[in-house]
Amino acid sequence: MGYFVVVSFLYYSRDFPKSQSTIVEIFVKMDKNLCTTDKPLKELIKQHGYTQKSFATALKKHVSAVTAYIAGKKSPTIAVVADMCRLLDESPKTVMKSLGIDVSGIPDDHIDDQ
């Protein structure tokens, strides 16, 4: 059985100064039995040399929160997802996939040549 998660993030447009932003909410359908990546969060954590406990400490979260994220029982806030990306040196799409979030239709990041 699926359920919905709301992911909020700041969206900056070239048409607006960085001080002006729009909060964008994406409703992403999740399925507990479907992971959309070959590397679920538990594997990414291990791949980057963390235990669940050390990863939780680095995130400044209780290990039970990380365990709940891995099990799909709890969804991290977008701020926690951003921290996960930094700690794991992975893109938001990769981390979101590892959490079982369907990221189809979400564009990849592009670096503008300036």
C-alpha atoms as a PDB file:
ATOM      1  CA  MET A   1       0.000   0.000   0.000  1.00  0.00           C
ATOM      2  CA  GLY A   2       1.404   3.431  -0.939  1.00  0.00           C
ATOM      3  CA  TYR A   3       1.400   6.691   0.915  1.00  0.00           C
ATOM      4  CA  PHE A   4       2.257  10.297   0.116  1.00  0.00           C
ATOM      5  CA  VAL A   5       5.107  12.440   1.380  1.00  0.00           C
ATOM      6  CA  VAL A   6       5.498  16.181   1.009  1.00  0.00           C
ATOM      7  CA  VAL A   7       8.979  17.408   0.177  1.00  0.00           C
ATOM      8  CA  SER A   8       9.505  21.159   0.472  1.00  0.00           C
ATOM      9  CA  PHE A   9      12.495  23.043  -0.869  1.00  0.00           C
ATOM     10  CA  LEU A  10      13.427  26.537  -1.936  1.00  0.00           C
ATOM     11  CA  TYR A  11      13.353  27.171  -5.647  1.00  0.00           C
ATOM     12  CA  TYR A  12      15.440  29.989  -7.058  1.00  0.00           C
ATOM     13  CA  SER A  13      14.723  31.354 -10.487  1.00  0.00           C
ATOM     14  CA  ARG A  14      17.042  33.403 -12.649  1.00  0.00           C
ATOM     15  CA  ASP A  15      14.150  35.850 -12.961  1.00  0.00           C
ATOM     16  CA  PHE A  16      14.177  36.619  -9.229  1.00  0.00           C
ATOM     17  CA  PRO A  17      16.988  37.778  -6.955  1.00  0.00           C
ATOM     18  CA  LYS A  18      18.251  35.072  -4.593  1.00  0.00           C
ATOM     19  CA  SER A  19      16.636  36.938  -1.697  1.00  0.00           C
ATOM     20  CA  GLN A  20      13.255  36.182  -3.219  1.00  0.00           C
ATOM     21  CA  SER A  21      12.378  32.544  -3.379  1.00  0.00           C
ATOM     22  CA  THR A  22       9.354  30.400  -3.790  1.00  0.00           C
ATOM     23  CA  ILE A  23       8.661  27.385  -1.648  1.00  0.00           C
ATOM     24  CA  VAL A  24       7.826  24.481  -3.860  1.00  0.00           C
ATOM     25  CA  GLU A  25       6.094  21.415  -2.548  1.00  0.00           C
ATOM     26  CA  ILE A  26       6.302  18.159  -4.388  1.00  0.00           C
ATOM     27  CA  PHE A  27       3.841  15.449  -3.564  1.00  0.00           C
ATOM     28  CA  VAL A  28       5.668  12.240  -4.174  1.00  0.00           C
ATOM     29  CA  LYS A  29       3.940   8.908  -4.102  1.00  0.00           C
ATOM     30  CA  MET A  30       5.922   6.350  -2.180  1.00  0.00           C
ATOM     31  CA  ASP A  31       5.445   2.631  -2.019  1.00  0.00           C
ATOM     32  CA  LYS A  32       6.839   0.804   1.004  1.00  0.00           C
ATOM     33  CA  ASN A  33       7.627  -2.243  -1.106  1.00  0.00           C
ATOM     34  CA  LEU A  34       9.345  -0.330  -3.918  1.00  0.00           C
ATOM     35  CA  CYS A  35      12.780   1.209  -3.735  1.00  0.00           C
ATOM     36  CA  THR A  36      13.624   3.112  -6.904  1.00  0.00           C
ATOM     37  CA  THR A  37      17.394   2.707  -6.632  1.00  0.00           C
ATOM     38  CA  ASP A  38      19.854  -0.121  -6.420  1.00  0.00           C
ATOM     39  CA  LYS A  39      21.350   1.537  -3.346  1.00  0.00           C
ATOM     40  CA  PRO A  40      18.902   2.031  -0.507  1.00  0.00           C
ATOM     41  CA  LEU A  41      19.847   4.424   2.274  1.00  0.00           C
ATOM     42  CA  LYS A  42      21.314   1.688   4.477  1.00  0.00           C
ATOM     43  CA  GLU A  43      23.750   0.741   1.715  1.00  0.00           C
ATOM     44  CA  LEU A  44      24.697   4.373   0.979  1.00  0.00           C
ATOM     45  CA  ILE A  45      25.441   4.927   4.658  1.00  0.00           C
ATOM     46  CA  LYS A  46      27.658   1.849   4.787  1.00  0.00           C
ATOM     47  CA  GLN A  47      29.327   2.669   1.439  1.00  0.00           C
ATOM     48  CA  HIS A  48      30.459   6.021   2.837  1.00  0.00           C
ATOM     49  CA  GLY A  49      32.021   4.462   5.920  1.00  0.00           C
ATOM     50  CA  TYR A  50      29.299   5.205   8.443  1.00  0.00           C
ATOM     51  CA  THR A  51      27.446   2.938  10.805  1.00  0.00           C
ATOM     52  CA  GLN A  52      23.832   3.855  11.458  1.00  0.00           C
ATOM     53  CA  LYS A  53      24.911   5.221  14.839  1.00  0.00           C
ATOM     54  CA  SER A  54      27.802   7.314  13.490  1.00  0.00           C
ATOM     55  CA  PHE A  55      25.598   8.615  10.669  1.00  0.00           C
ATOM     56  CA  ALA A  56      22.903   9.578  13.174  1.00  0.00           C
ATOM     57  CA  THR A  57      25.515  11.387  15.276  1.00  0.00           C
ATOM     58  CA  ALA A  58      26.811  13.255  12.209  1.00  0.00           C
ATOM     59  CA  LEU A  59      23.209  14.230  11.345  1.00  0.00           C
ATOM     60  CA  LYS A  60      22.607  15.297  14.960  1.00  0.00           C
ATOM     61  CA  LYS A  61      19.702  12.861  15.089  1.00  0.00           C
ATOM     62  CA  HIS A  62      18.909   9.946  17.367  1.00  0.00           C
ATOM     63  CA  VAL A  63      19.792   6.563  15.898  1.00  0.00           C
ATOM     64  CA  SER A  64      16.100   5.601  16.088  1.00  0.00           C
ATOM     65  CA  ALA A  65      15.310   8.411  13.610  1.00  0.00           C
ATOM     66  CA  VAL A  66      17.867   7.071  11.114  1.00  0.00           C
ATOM     67  CA  THR A  67      16.535   3.544  11.641  1.00  0.00           C
ATOM     68  CA  ALA A  68      13.019   4.846  10.903  1.00  0.00           C
ATOM     69  CA  TYR A  69      14.241   6.611   7.720  1.00  0.00           C
ATOM     70  CA  ILE A  70      15.889   3.372   6.548  1.00  0.00           C
ATOM     71  CA  ALA A  71      12.753   1.331   7.307  1.00  0.00           C
ATOM     72  CA  GLY A  72      10.527   3.862   5.521  1.00  0.00           C
ATOM     73  CA  LYS A  73       8.521   4.466   8.692  1.00  0.00           C
ATOM     74  CA  LYS A  74       9.487   8.125   8.928  1.00  0.00           C
ATOM     75  CA  SER A  75      10.422  10.719   6.325  1.00  0.00           C
ATOM     76  CA  PRO A  76      13.252  13.160   6.997  1.00  0.00           C
ATOM     77  CA  THR A  77      12.651  16.878   6.600  1.00  0.00           C
ATOM     78  CA  ILE A  78      14.165  18.568   3.571  1.00  0.00           C
ATOM     79  CA  ALA A  79      16.822  20.084   5.867  1.00  0.00           C
ATOM     80  CA  VAL A  80      17.804  16.589   7.013  1.00  0.00           C
ATOM     81  CA  VAL A  81      17.857  15.373   3.395  1.00  0.00           C
ATOM     82  CA  ALA A  82      20.206  18.279   2.578  1.00  0.00           C
ATOM     83  CA  ASP A  83      22.452  17.265   5.482  1.00  0.00           C
ATOM     84  CA  MET A  84      22.403  13.655   4.234  1.00  0.00           C
ATOM     85  CA  CYS A  85      23.491  14.863   0.785  1.00  0.00           C
ATOM     86  CA  ARG A  86      26.415  16.762   2.298  1.00  0.00           C
ATOM     87  CA  LEU A  87      27.520  13.900   4.547  1.00  0.00           C
ATOM     88  CA  LEU A  88      27.202  11.261   1.835  1.00  0.00           C
ATOM     89  CA  ASP A  89      28.478  13.548  -0.939  1.00  0.00           C
ATOM     90  CA  GLU A  90      25.494  12.474  -3.049  1.00  0.00           C
ATOM     91  CA  SER A  91      22.942  14.403  -5.085  1.00  0.00           C
ATOM     92  CA  PRO A  92      19.465  15.107  -3.699  1.00  0.00           C
ATOM     93  CA  LYS A  93      17.978  12.785  -6.341  1.00  0.00           C
ATOM     94  CA  THR A  94      20.257   9.934  -5.249  1.00  0.00           C
ATOM     95  CA  VAL A  95      19.381  10.419  -1.587  1.00  0.00           C
ATOM     96  CA  MET A  96      15.672  10.755  -2.367  1.00  0.00           C
ATOM     97  CA  LYS A  97      15.824   7.541  -4.432  1.00  0.00           C
ATOM     98  CA  SER A  98      17.570   5.796  -1.550  1.00  0.00           C
ATOM     99  CA  LEU A  99      14.631   6.791   0.646  1.00  0.00           C
ATOM    100  CA  GLY A 100      12.249   5.138  -1.815  1.00  0.00           C
ATOM    101  CA  ILE A 101      10.956   8.382  -3.301  1.00  0.00           C
ATOM    102  CA  ASP A 102       9.984   8.318  -6.970  1.00  0.00           C
ATOM    103  CA  VAL A 103      12.034  11.096  -8.576  1.00  0.00           C
ATOM    104  CA  SER A 104      10.830  10.583 -12.132  1.00  0.00           C
ATOM    105  CA  GLY A 105      10.015  13.917 -13.734  1.00  0.00           C
ATOM    106  CA  ILE A 106      12.300  15.861 -11.397  1.00  0.00           C
ATOM    107  CA  PRO A 107      14.991  17.569 -13.483  1.00  0.00           C
ATOM    108  CA  ASP A 108      18.674  17.017 -12.831  1.00  0.00           C
ATOM    109  CA  ASP A 109      20.764  19.864 -11.461  1.00  0.00           C
ATOM    110  CA  HIS A 110      22.523  21.912 -14.123  1.00  0.00           C
ATOM    111  CA  ILE A 111      25.535  24.112 -13.592  1.00  0.00           C
ATOM    112  CA  ASP A 112      25.159  27.363 -15.508  1.00  0.00           C
ATOM    113  CA  ASP A 113      28.213  28.585 -17.390  1.00  0.00           C
ATOM    114  CA  GLN A 114      28.730  32.146 -16.299  1.00  0.00           C
END
